[in-house]
Amino acid sequence: MYYDGDGSYLEALPDKLKNSKLPKGITWFEDHVHFDTLREASEWVLSDSYNKIGHDYNGYISTDPKLVHALVYELVRHRRYEGKVRVWEYRLNGKHYLFLWIEK
C-alpha cells in the first residue's frame, strides 16, 4: 500500500504512479472484480461502488472497463456531483488500469 504526503493512497499499485497525471489528495477505492457483461457490471456498481464514491472515497480504480463505464454513466445520469467526471487510463506491465474521479 502506498501513502503519499497528503494522505491519499493507491493500493497495490507500483511506485511509478507517484509522479503520474493523477490528481493529488484523492482517496481511491480499488475494485478487483471483473464481469462478463455490462449489465452485471452496472448492477455491481449500483450496489457497491456508486454509494462509496463521494462518501468514503473520492476516486475509483478498476481494471475492468465495464465497471468504469457503468460508474461514469450513473454519476452523469444522476448528476450526483457538480464538476467533471474524469477518467484516466494507464497501462503498466501489461495491465490496464482505469482511474475515475470528480474534478471540482
PDB file of N, CA and C in Angstrom:
ATOM      1  N   MET A   1       0.855  -1.177   0.000  1.00  0.00           N
ATOM      2  CA  MET A   1       0.000   0.000   0.000  1.00  0.00           C
ATOM      3  C   MET A   1       0.896   1.233   0.000  1.00  0.00           C
ATOM      4  N   TYR A   2       0.535   2.212  -0.776  1.00  0.00           N
ATOM      5  CA  TYR A   2       1.336   3.426  -0.914  1.00  0.00           C
ATOM      6  C   TYR A   2       0.554   4.615  -0.377  1.00  0.00           C
ATOM      7  N   TYR A   3       1.153   5.335   0.559  1.00  0.00           N
ATOM      8  CA  TYR A   3       0.556   6.568   1.067  1.00  0.00           C
ATOM      9  C   TYR A   3       1.419   7.728   0.611  1.00  0.00           C
ATOM     10  N   ASP A   4       0.786   8.769   0.059  1.00  0.00           N
ATOM     11  CA  ASP A   4       1.596   9.935  -0.287  1.00  0.00           C
ATOM     12  C   ASP A   4       1.464  10.977   0.814  1.00  0.00           C
ATOM     13  N   GLY A   5       2.128  12.096   0.663  1.00  0.00           N
ATOM     14  CA  GLY A   5       2.213  13.095   1.714  1.00  0.00           C
ATOM     15  C   GLY A   5       0.892  13.668   2.175  1.00  0.00           C
ATOM     16  N   ASP A   6      -0.127  13.681   1.325  1.00  0.00           N
ATOM     17  CA  ASP A   6      -1.392  14.287   1.732  1.00  0.00           C
ATOM     18  C   ASP A   6      -2.407  13.257   2.211  1.00  0.00           C
ATOM     19  N   GLY A   7      -1.992  12.014   2.408  1.00  0.00           N
ATOM     20  CA  GLY A   7      -2.871  11.021   2.997  1.00  0.00           C
ATOM     21  C   GLY A   7      -3.656  10.183   2.006  1.00  0.00           C
ATOM     22  N   SER A   8      -3.599  10.497   0.716  1.00  0.00           N
ATOM     23  CA  SER A   8      -4.304   9.654  -0.241  1.00  0.00           C
ATOM     24  C   SER A   8      -3.465   8.411  -0.515  1.00  0.00           C
ATOM     25  N   TYR A   9      -4.082   7.406  -1.078  1.00  0.00           N
ATOM     26  CA  TYR A   9      -3.321   6.185  -1.301  1.00  0.00           C
ATOM     27  C   TYR A   9      -3.716   5.479  -2.590  1.00  0.00           C
ATOM     28  N   LEU A  10      -2.802   4.690  -3.069  1.00  0.00           N
ATOM     29  CA  LEU A  10      -3.038   3.788  -4.188  1.00  0.00           C
ATOM     30  C   LEU A  10      -2.679   2.401  -3.679  1.00  0.00           C
ATOM     31  N   GLU A  11      -3.658   1.555  -3.576  1.00  0.00           N
ATOM     32  CA  GLU A  11      -3.443   0.236  -3.011  1.00  0.00           C
ATOM     33  C   GLU A  11      -2.857  -0.706  -4.057  1.00  0.00           C
ATOM     34  N   ALA A  12      -1.780  -1.356  -3.739  1.00  0.00           N
ATOM     35  CA  ALA A  12      -1.196  -2.414  -4.559  1.00  0.00           C
ATOM     36  C   ALA A  12      -0.782  -1.955  -5.954  1.00  0.00           C
ATOM     37  N   LEU A  13      -0.544  -0.682  -6.150  1.00  0.00           N
ATOM     38  CA  LEU A  13      -0.089  -0.191  -7.445  1.00  0.00           C
ATOM     39  C   LEU A  13       1.376   0.206  -7.348  1.00  0.00           C
ATOM     40  N   PRO A  14       2.106   0.060  -8.436  1.00  0.00           N
ATOM     41  CA  PRO A  14       3.548   0.341  -8.416  1.00  0.00           C
ATOM     42  C   PRO A  14       3.874   1.803  -8.127  1.00  0.00           C
ATOM     43  N   ASP A  15       5.081   2.017  -7.634  1.00  0.00           N
ATOM     44  CA  ASP A  15       5.541   3.366  -7.308  1.00  0.00           C
ATOM     45  C   ASP A  15       5.656   4.263  -8.532  1.00  0.00           C
ATOM     46  N   LYS A  16       5.637   3.704  -9.740  1.00  0.00           N
ATOM     47  CA  LYS A  16       5.718   4.522 -10.952  1.00  0.00           C
ATOM     48  C   LYS A  16       4.549   5.494 -11.054  1.00  0.00           C
ATOM     49  N   LEU A  17       3.474   5.231 -10.346  1.00  0.00           N
ATOM     50  CA  LEU A  17       2.305   6.109 -10.414  1.00  0.00           C
ATOM     51  C   LEU A  17       2.440   7.333  -9.513  1.00  0.00           C
ATOM     52  N   LYS A  18       3.466   7.387  -8.686  1.00  0.00           N
ATOM     53  CA  LYS A  18       3.652   8.527  -7.784  1.00  0.00           C
ATOM     54  C   LYS A  18       3.702   9.849  -8.538  1.00  0.00           C
ATOM     55  N   ASN A  19       4.404   9.883  -9.649  1.00  0.00           N
ATOM     56  CA  ASN A  19       4.588  11.121 -10.405  1.00  0.00           C
ATOM     57  C   ASN A  19       3.725  11.151 -11.662  1.00  0.00           C
ATOM     58  N   SER A  20       2.600  10.509 -11.634  1.00  0.00           N
ATOM     59  CA  SER A  20       1.735  10.425 -12.806  1.00  0.00           C
ATOM     60  C   SER A  20       0.843  11.661 -12.914  1.00  0.00           C
ATOM     61  N   LYS A  21      -0.079  11.615 -13.868  1.00  0.00           N
ATOM     62  CA  LYS A  21      -1.006  12.719 -14.111  1.00  0.00           C
ATOM     63  C   LYS A  21      -2.194  12.709 -13.155  1.00  0.00           C
ATOM     64  N   LEU A  22      -2.209  11.792 -12.226  1.00  0.00           N
ATOM     65  CA  LEU A  22      -3.335  11.706 -11.299  1.00  0.00           C
ATOM     66  C   LEU A  22      -3.337  12.892 -10.341  1.00  0.00           C
ATOM     67  N   PRO A  23      -4.514  13.378  -9.983  1.00  0.00           N
ATOM     68  CA  PRO A  23      -4.581  14.494  -9.039  1.00  0.00           C
ATOM     69  C   PRO A  23      -4.160  14.050  -7.640  1.00  0.00           C
ATOM     70  N   LYS A  24      -3.653  14.977  -6.879  1.00  0.00           N
ATOM     71  CA  LYS A  24      -3.250  14.692  -5.502  1.00  0.00           C
ATOM     72  C   LYS A  24      -4.455  14.868  -4.580  1.00  0.00           C
ATOM     73  N   GLY A  25      -4.403  14.246  -3.425  1.00  0.00           N
ATOM     74  CA  GLY A  25      -5.457  14.401  -2.434  1.00  0.00           C
ATOM     75  C   GLY A  25      -6.683  13.537  -2.671  1.00  0.00           C
ATOM     76  N   ILE A  26      -6.566  12.507  -3.480  1.00  0.00           N
ATOM     77  CA  ILE A  26      -7.692  11.623  -3.764  1.00  0.00           C
ATOM     78  C   ILE A  26      -7.538  10.359  -2.920  1.00  0.00           C
ATOM     79  N   THR A  27      -8.619   9.925  -2.303  1.00  0.00           N
ATOM     80  CA  THR A  27      -8.656   8.650  -1.615  1.00  0.00           C
ATOM     81  C   THR A  27      -9.309   7.662  -2.570  1.00  0.00           C
ATOM     82  N   TRP A  28      -8.566   6.683  -3.008  1.00  0.00           N
ATOM     83  CA  TRP A  28      -9.004   5.784  -4.074  1.00  0.00           C
ATOM     84  C   TRP A  28      -9.665   4.530  -3.532  1.00  0.00           C
ATOM     85  N   PHE A  29     -10.753   4.127  -4.171  1.00  0.00           N
ATOM     86  CA  PHE A  29     -11.390   2.834  -3.934  1.00  0.00           C
ATOM     87  C   PHE A  29     -10.969   1.931  -5.083  1.00  0.00           C
ATOM     88  N   GLU A  30     -10.288   0.845  -4.773  1.00  0.00           N
ATOM     89  CA  GLU A  30      -9.792  -0.055  -5.811  1.00  0.00           C
ATOM     90  C   GLU A  30     -10.679  -1.293  -5.875  1.00  0.00           C
ATOM     91  N   ASP A  31     -11.276  -1.530  -7.036  1.00  0.00           N
ATOM     92  CA  ASP A  31     -12.191  -2.648  -7.249  1.00  0.00           C
ATOM     93  C   ASP A  31     -11.474  -3.729  -8.045  1.00  0.00           C
ATOM     94  N   HIS A  32     -11.452  -4.954  -7.527  1.00  0.00           N
ATOM     95  CA  HIS A  32     -10.714  -6.045  -8.166  1.00  0.00           C
ATOM     96  C   HIS A  32     -11.612  -7.058  -8.862  1.00  0.00           C
ATOM     97  N   VAL A  33     -12.886  -6.775  -9.001  1.00  0.00           N
ATOM     98  CA  VAL A  33     -13.797  -7.729  -9.633  1.00  0.00           C
ATOM     99  C   VAL A  33     -13.875  -7.483 -11.135  1.00  0.00           C
ATOM    100  N   HIS A  34     -14.260  -8.509 -11.877  1.00  0.00           N
ATOM    101  CA  HIS A  34     -14.438  -8.425 -13.332  1.00  0.00           C
ATOM    102  C   HIS A  34     -15.741  -9.117 -13.694  1.00  0.00           C
ATOM    103  N   PHE A  35     -16.417  -8.591 -14.696  1.00  0.00           N
ATOM    104  CA  PHE A  35     -17.691  -9.152 -15.120  1.00  0.00           C
ATOM    105  C   PHE A  35     -17.690  -9.416 -16.613  1.00  0.00           C
ATOM    106  N   ASP A  36     -18.558 -10.339 -17.023  1.00  0.00           N
ATOM    107  CA  ASP A  36     -18.670 -10.699 -18.436  1.00  0.00           C
ATOM    108  C   ASP A  36     -19.545  -9.731 -19.213  1.00  0.00           C
ATOM    109  N   THR A  37     -20.526  -9.128 -18.547  1.00  0.00           N
ATOM    110  CA  THR A  37     -21.463  -8.254 -19.259  1.00  0.00           C
ATOM    111  C   THR A  37     -21.549  -6.888 -18.590  1.00  0.00           C
ATOM    112  N   LEU A  38     -21.971  -5.918 -19.374  1.00  0.00           N
ATOM    113  CA  LEU A  38     -22.169  -4.569 -18.848  1.00  0.00           C
ATOM    114  C   LEU A  38     -23.305  -4.538 -17.830  1.00  0.00           C
ATOM    115  N   ARG A  39     -24.312  -5.366 -18.033  1.00  0.00           N
ATOM    116  CA  ARG A  39     -25.429  -5.412 -17.083  1.00  0.00           C
ATOM    117  C   ARG A  39     -24.958  -5.869 -15.698  1.00  0.00           C
ATOM    118  N   GLU A  40     -24.142  -6.909 -15.653  1.00  0.00           N
ATOM    119  CA  GLU A  40     -23.599  -7.372 -14.375  1.00  0.00           C
ATOM    120  C   GLU A  40     -22.754  -6.278 -13.723  1.00  0.00           C
ATOM    121  N   ALA A  41     -21.937  -5.625 -14.524  1.00  0.00           N
ATOM    122  CA  ALA A  41     -21.089  -4.549 -14.005  1.00  0.00           C
ATOM    123  C   ALA A  41     -21.937  -3.411 -13.464  1.00  0.00           C
ATOM    124  N   SER A  42     -22.998  -3.066 -14.168  1.00  0.00           N
ATOM    125  CA  SER A  42     -23.879  -1.987 -13.735  1.00  0.00           C
ATOM    126  C   SER A  42     -24.564  -2.326 -12.414  1.00  0.00           C
ATOM    127  N   GLU A  43     -25.025  -3.556 -12.274  1.00  0.00           N
ATOM    128  CA  GLU A  43     -25.654  -3.977 -11.015  1.00  0.00           C
ATOM    129  C   GLU A  43     -24.661  -3.911  -9.861  1.00  0.00           C
ATOM    130  N   TRP A  44     -23.422  -4.327 -10.110  1.00  0.00           N
ATOM    131  CA  TRP A  44     -22.396  -4.281  -9.076  1.00  0.00           C
ATOM    132  C   TRP A  44     -22.102  -2.836  -8.665  1.00  0.00           C
ATOM    133  N   VAL A  45     -21.948  -1.972  -9.658  1.00  0.00           N
ATOM    134  CA  VAL A  45     -21.641  -0.562  -9.395  1.00  0.00           C
ATOM    135  C   VAL A  45     -22.744   0.073  -8.559  1.00  0.00           C
ATOM    136  N   LEU A  46     -24.000  -0.178  -8.918  1.00  0.00           N
ATOM    137  CA  LEU A  46     -25.115   0.431  -8.181  1.00  0.00           C
ATOM    138  C   LEU A  46     -25.240  -0.113  -6.762  1.00  0.00           C
ATOM    139  N   SER A  47     -24.810  -1.340  -6.531  1.00  0.00           N
ATOM    140  CA  SER A  47     -24.937  -1.909  -5.192  1.00  0.00           C
ATOM    141  C   SER A  47     -23.717  -1.648  -4.318  1.00  0.00           C
ATOM    142  N   ASP A  48     -22.614  -1.205  -4.913  1.00  0.00           N
ATOM    143  CA  ASP A  48     -21.391  -1.067  -4.123  1.00  0.00           C
ATOM    144  C   ASP A  48     -20.656   0.245  -4.391  1.00  0.00           C
ATOM    145  N   SER A  49     -19.979   0.347  -5.495  1.00  0.00           N
ATOM    146  CA  SER A  49     -19.070   1.463  -5.779  1.00  0.00           C
ATOM    147  C   SER A  49     -19.766   2.814  -5.821  1.00  0.00           C
ATOM    148  N   TYR A  50     -20.934   2.884  -6.450  1.00  0.00           N
ATOM    149  CA  TYR A  50     -21.648   4.151  -6.601  1.00  0.00           C
ATOM    150  C   TYR A  50     -21.925   4.795  -5.244  1.00  0.00           C
ATOM    151  N   ASN A  51     -22.231   3.981  -4.255  1.00  0.00           N
ATOM    152  CA  ASN A  51     -22.543   4.501  -2.923  1.00  0.00           C
ATOM    153  C   ASN A  51     -21.304   4.911  -2.135  1.00  0.00           C
ATOM    154  N   LYS A  52     -20.144   4.417  -2.513  1.00  0.00           N
ATOM    155  CA  LYS A  52     -18.910   4.750  -1.796  1.00  0.00           C
ATOM    156  C   LYS A  52     -18.242   6.013  -2.330  1.00  0.00           C
ATOM    157  N   ILE A  53     -18.410   6.286  -3.632  1.00  0.00           N
ATOM    158  CA  ILE A  53     -17.771   7.455  -4.234  1.00  0.00           C
ATOM    159  C   ILE A  53     -18.464   8.712  -3.727  1.00  0.00           C
ATOM    160  N   GLY A  54     -17.678   9.606  -3.169  1.00  0.00           N
ATOM    161  CA  GLY A  54     -18.215  10.844  -2.620  1.00  0.00           C
ATOM    162  C   GLY A  54     -18.459  10.785  -1.123  1.00  0.00           C
ATOM    163  N   HIS A  55     -18.428   9.591  -0.566  1.00  0.00           N
ATOM    164  CA  HIS A  55     -18.626   9.440   0.877  1.00  0.00           C
ATOM    165  C   HIS A  55     -17.348   8.904   1.524  1.00  0.00           C
ATOM    166  N   ASP A  56     -17.050   7.648   1.268  1.00  0.00           N
ATOM    167  CA  ASP A  56     -15.846   7.030   1.829  1.00  0.00           C
ATOM    168  C   ASP A  56     -14.607   7.311   0.980  1.00  0.00           C
ATOM    169  N   TYR A  57     -14.807   7.450  -0.323  1.00  0.00           N
ATOM    170  CA  TYR A  57     -13.715   7.651  -1.276  1.00  0.00           C
ATOM    171  C   TYR A  57     -14.112   8.734  -2.270  1.00  0.00           C
ATOM    172  N   ASN A  58     -13.125   9.371  -2.891  1.00  0.00           N
ATOM    173  CA  ASN A  58     -13.439  10.342  -3.942  1.00  0.00           C
ATOM    174  C   ASN A  58     -12.770   9.990  -5.266  1.00  0.00           C
ATOM    175  N   GLY A  59     -12.283   8.757  -5.376  1.00  0.00           N
ATOM    176  CA  GLY A  59     -11.731   8.257  -6.621  1.00  0.00           C
ATOM    177  C   GLY A  59     -11.946   6.763  -6.721  1.00  0.00           C
ATOM    178  N   TYR A  60     -11.843   6.233  -7.926  1.00  0.00           N
ATOM    179  CA  TYR A  60     -12.149   4.825  -8.182  1.00  0.00           C
ATOM    180  C   TYR A  60     -11.115   4.256  -9.146  1.00  0.00           C
ATOM    181  N   ILE A  61     -10.625   3.049  -8.856  1.00  0.00           N
ATOM    182  CA  ILE A  61      -9.657   2.365  -9.710  1.00  0.00           C
ATOM    183  C   ILE A  61     -10.198   0.981 -10.048  1.00  0.00           C
ATOM    184  N   SER A  62     -10.111   0.623 -11.318  1.00  0.00           N
ATOM    185  CA  SER A  62     -10.517  -0.712 -11.739  1.00  0.00           C
ATOM    186  C   SER A  62      -9.703  -1.121 -12.959  1.00  0.00           C
ATOM    187  N   THR A  63      -9.626  -2.420 -13.180  1.00  0.00           N
ATOM    188  CA  THR A  63      -9.028  -2.927 -14.405  1.00  0.00           C
ATOM    189  C   THR A  63     -10.106  -3.440 -15.357  1.00  0.00           C
ATOM    190  N   ASP A  64     -11.370  -3.343 -14.961  1.00  0.00           N
ATOM    191  CA  ASP A  64     -12.489  -3.756 -15.812  1.00  0.00           C
ATOM    192  C   ASP A  64     -13.159  -2.516 -16.397  1.00  0.00           C
ATOM    193  N   PRO A  65     -13.032  -2.279 -17.699  1.00  0.00           N
ATOM    194  CA  PRO A  65     -13.625  -1.082 -18.304  1.00  0.00           C
ATOM    195  C   PRO A  65     -15.149  -1.037 -18.190  1.00  0.00           C
ATOM    196  N   LYS A  66     -15.786  -2.191 -18.063  1.00  0.00           N
ATOM    197  CA  LYS A  66     -17.246  -2.210 -17.920  1.00  0.00           C
ATOM    198  C   LYS A  66     -17.673  -1.563 -16.605  1.00  0.00           C
ATOM    199  N   LEU A  67     -16.908  -1.782 -15.549  1.00  0.00           N
ATOM    200  CA  LEU A  67     -17.226  -1.167 -14.259  1.00  0.00           C
ATOM    201  C   LEU A  67     -17.087   0.353 -14.322  1.00  0.00           C
ATOM    202  N   VAL A  68     -16.018   0.819 -14.927  1.00  0.00           N
ATOM    203  CA  VAL A  68     -15.800   2.266 -15.033  1.00  0.00           C
ATOM    204  C   VAL A  68     -16.869   2.895 -15.922  1.00  0.00           C
ATOM    205  N   HIS A  69     -17.203   2.246 -17.027  1.00  0.00           N
ATOM    206  CA  HIS A  69     -18.260   2.745 -17.911  1.00  0.00           C
ATOM    207  C   HIS A  69     -19.583   2.869 -17.152  1.00  0.00           C
ATOM    208  N   ALA A  70     -19.945   1.835 -16.412  1.00  0.00           N
ATOM    209  CA  ALA A  70     -21.202   1.853 -15.661  1.00  0.00           C
ATOM    210  C   ALA A  70     -21.191   2.944 -14.594  1.00  0.00           C
ATOM    211  N   LEU A  71     -20.071   3.132 -13.924  1.00  0.00           N
ATOM    212  CA  LEU A  71     -19.984   4.154 -12.884  1.00  0.00           C
ATOM    213  C   LEU A  71     -20.064   5.555 -13.477  1.00  0.00           C
ATOM    214  N   VAL A  72     -19.380   5.802 -14.585  1.00  0.00           N
ATOM    215  CA  VAL A  72     -19.474   7.105 -15.254  1.00  0.00           C
ATOM    216  C   VAL A  72     -20.917   7.373 -15.652  1.00  0.00           C
ATOM    217  N   TYR A  73     -21.563   6.386 -16.235  1.00  0.00           N
ATOM    218  CA  TYR A  73     -22.954   6.544 -16.669  1.00  0.00           C
ATOM    219  C   TYR A  73     -23.854   6.928 -15.496  1.00  0.00           C
ATOM    220  N   GLU A  74     -23.736   6.228 -14.388  1.00  0.00           N
ATOM    221  CA  GLU A  74     -24.596   6.508 -13.231  1.00  0.00           C
ATOM    222  C   GLU A  74     -24.288   7.872 -12.618  1.00  0.00           C
ATOM    223  N   LEU A  75     -23.030   8.239 -12.519  1.00  0.00           N
ATOM    224  CA  LEU A  75     -22.678   9.546 -11.949  1.00  0.00           C
ATOM    225  C   LEU A  75     -23.210  10.687 -12.806  1.00  0.00           C
ATOM    226  N   VAL A  76     -23.092  10.559 -14.120  1.00  0.00           N
ATOM    227  CA  VAL A  76     -23.567  11.606 -15.026  1.00  0.00           C
ATOM    228  C   VAL A  76     -25.090  11.613 -15.081  1.00  0.00           C
ATOM    229  N   ARG A  77     -25.682  10.449 -15.114  1.00  0.00           N
ATOM    230  CA  ARG A  77     -27.144  10.339 -15.205  1.00  0.00           C
ATOM    231  C   ARG A  77     -27.838  10.962 -14.003  1.00  0.00           C
ATOM    232  N   HIS A  78     -27.329  10.705 -12.829  1.00  0.00           N
ATOM    233  CA  HIS A  78     -27.960  11.211 -11.610  1.00  0.00           C
ATOM    234  C   HIS A  78     -27.468  12.596 -11.215  1.00  0.00           C
ATOM    235  N   ARG A  79     -26.464  13.100 -11.923  1.00  0.00           N
ATOM    236  CA  ARG A  79     -25.882  14.416 -11.615  1.00  0.00           C
ATOM    237  C   ARG A  79     -25.631  14.561 -10.115  1.00  0.00           C
ATOM    238  N   ARG A  80     -25.016  13.563  -9.581  1.00  0.00           N
ATOM    239  CA  ARG A  80     -24.800  13.485  -8.141  1.00  0.00           C
ATOM    240  C   ARG A  80     -23.816  14.541  -7.639  1.00  0.00           C
ATOM    241  N   TYR A  81     -22.890  14.934  -8.492  1.00  0.00           N
ATOM    242  CA  TYR A  81     -21.877  15.909  -8.088  1.00  0.00           C
ATOM    243  C   TYR A  81     -21.772  17.007  -9.121  1.00  0.00           C
ATOM    244  N   GLU A  82     -21.423  18.195  -8.656  1.00  0.00           N
ATOM    245  CA  GLU A  82     -21.083  19.260  -9.593  1.00  0.00           C
ATOM    246  C   GLU A  82     -19.609  19.096  -9.923  1.00  0.00           C
ATOM    247  N   GLY A  83     -19.277  19.249 -11.155  1.00  0.00           N
ATOM    248  CA  GLY A  83     -17.905  19.062 -11.597  1.00  0.00           C
ATOM    249  C   GLY A  83     -17.846  18.033 -12.697  1.00  0.00           C
ATOM    250  N   LYS A  84     -16.673  17.886 -13.273  1.00  0.00           N
ATOM    251  CA  LYS A  84     -16.488  16.969 -14.393  1.00  0.00           C
ATOM    252  C   LYS A  84     -16.047  15.602 -13.889  1.00  0.00           C
ATOM    253  N   VAL A  85     -16.598  14.575 -14.498  1.00  0.00           N
ATOM    254  CA  VAL A  85     -16.157  13.215 -14.220  1.00  0.00           C
ATOM    255  C   VAL A  85     -14.960  12.953 -15.125  1.00  0.00           C
ATOM    256  N   ARG A  86     -13.841  12.621 -14.538  1.00  0.00           N
ATOM    257  CA  ARG A  86     -12.602  12.397 -15.289  1.00  0.00           C
ATOM    258  C   ARG A  86     -12.213  10.923 -15.219  1.00  0.00           C
ATOM    259  N   VAL A  87     -11.706  10.422 -16.330  1.00  0.00           N
ATOM    260  CA  VAL A  87     -11.191   9.054 -16.385  1.00  0.00           C
ATOM    261  C   VAL A  87      -9.813   9.103 -17.027  1.00  0.00           C
ATOM    262  N   TRP A  88      -8.875   8.420 -16.425  1.00  0.00           N
ATOM    263  CA  TRP A  88      -7.516   8.349 -16.945  1.00  0.00           C
ATOM    264  C   TRP A  88      -7.137   6.879 -17.074  1.00  0.00           C
ATOM    265  N   GLU A  89      -6.549   6.524 -18.204  1.00  0.00           N
ATOM    266  CA  GLU A  89      -6.129   5.150 -18.458  1.00  0.00           C
ATOM    267  C   GLU A  89      -4.617   5.049 -18.320  1.00  0.00           C
ATOM    268  N   TYR A  90      -4.173   3.947 -17.749  1.00  0.00           N
ATOM    269  CA  TYR A  90      -2.744   3.744 -17.559  1.00  0.00           C
ATOM    270  C   TYR A  90      -2.420   2.272 -17.769  1.00  0.00           C
ATOM    271  N   ARG A  91      -1.438   1.991 -18.597  1.00  0.00           N
ATOM    272  CA  ARG A  91      -1.008   0.616 -18.832  1.00  0.00           C
ATOM    273  C   ARG A  91       0.377   0.438 -18.223  1.00  0.00           C
ATOM    274  N   LEU A  92       0.500  -0.608 -17.411  1.00  0.00           N
ATOM    275  CA  LEU A  92       1.769  -0.886 -16.752  1.00  0.00           C
ATOM    276  C   LEU A  92       1.966  -2.393 -16.671  1.00  0.00           C
ATOM    277  N   ASN A  93       3.083  -2.852 -17.184  1.00  0.00           N
ATOM    278  CA  ASN A  93       3.430  -4.278 -17.156  1.00  0.00           C
ATOM    279  C   ASN A  93       2.308  -5.150 -17.708  1.00  0.00           C
ATOM    280  N   GLY A  94       1.689  -4.700 -18.790  1.00  0.00           N
ATOM    281  CA  GLY A  94       0.641  -5.474 -19.434  1.00  0.00           C
ATOM    282  C   GLY A  94      -0.719  -5.392 -18.778  1.00  0.00           C
ATOM    283  N   LYS A  95      -0.839  -4.621 -17.716  1.00  0.00           N
ATOM    284  CA  LYS A  95      -2.121  -4.481 -17.025  1.00  0.00           C
ATOM    285  C   LYS A  95      -2.677  -3.089 -17.299  1.00  0.00           C
ATOM    286  N   HIS A  96      -3.965  -3.023 -17.554  1.00  0.00           N
ATOM    287  CA  HIS A  96      -4.642  -1.783 -17.931  1.00  0.00           C
ATOM    288  C   HIS A  96      -5.451  -1.274 -16.735  1.00  0.00           C
ATOM    289  N   TYR A  97      -5.076  -0.115 -16.190  1.00  0.00           N
ATOM    290  CA  TYR A  97      -5.777   0.483 -15.055  1.00  0.00           C
ATOM    291  C   TYR A  97      -6.626   1.649 -15.542  1.00  0.00           C
ATOM    292  N   LEU A  98      -7.813   1.793 -14.978  1.00  0.00           N
ATOM    293  CA  LEU A  98      -8.679   2.934 -15.254  1.00  0.00           C
ATOM    294  C   LEU A  98      -8.937   3.656 -13.935  1.00  0.00           C
ATOM    295  N   PHE A  99      -8.711   4.957 -13.934  1.00  0.00           N
ATOM    296  CA  PHE A  99      -8.886   5.793 -12.751  1.00  0.00           C
ATOM    297  C   PHE A  99     -10.022   6.768 -13.012  1.00  0.00           C
ATOM    298  N   LEU A 100     -10.951   6.882 -12.095  1.00  0.00           N
ATOM    299  CA  LEU A 100     -12.075   7.800 -12.224  1.00  0.00           C
ATOM    300  C   LEU A 100     -12.101   8.705 -11.001  1.00  0.00           C
ATOM    301  N   TRP A 101     -12.346   9.997 -11.213  1.00  0.00           N
ATOM    302  CA  TRP A 101     -12.510  10.933 -10.107  1.00  0.00           C
ATOM    303  C   TRP A 101     -13.382  12.085 -10.570  1.00  0.00           C
ATOM    304  N   ILE A 102     -13.901  12.831  -9.605  1.00  0.00           N
ATOM    305  CA  ILE A 102     -14.724  14.002  -9.888  1.00  0.00           C
ATOM    306  C   ILE A 102     -13.842  15.232  -9.745  1.00  0.00           C
ATOM    307  N   GLU A 103     -13.730  16.009 -10.802  1.00  0.00           N
ATOM    308  CA  GLU A 103     -12.939  17.240 -10.769  1.00  0.00           C
ATOM    309  C   GLU A 103     -13.857  18.386 -10.371  1.00  0.00           C
ATOM    310  N   LYS A 104     -13.527  19.032  -9.281  1.00  0.00           N
ATOM    311  CA  LYS A 104     -14.387  20.123  -8.787  1.00  0.00           C
ATOM    312  C   LYS A 104     -13.839  21.463  -9.143  1.00  0.00           C
TER     313      LYS A 104
END
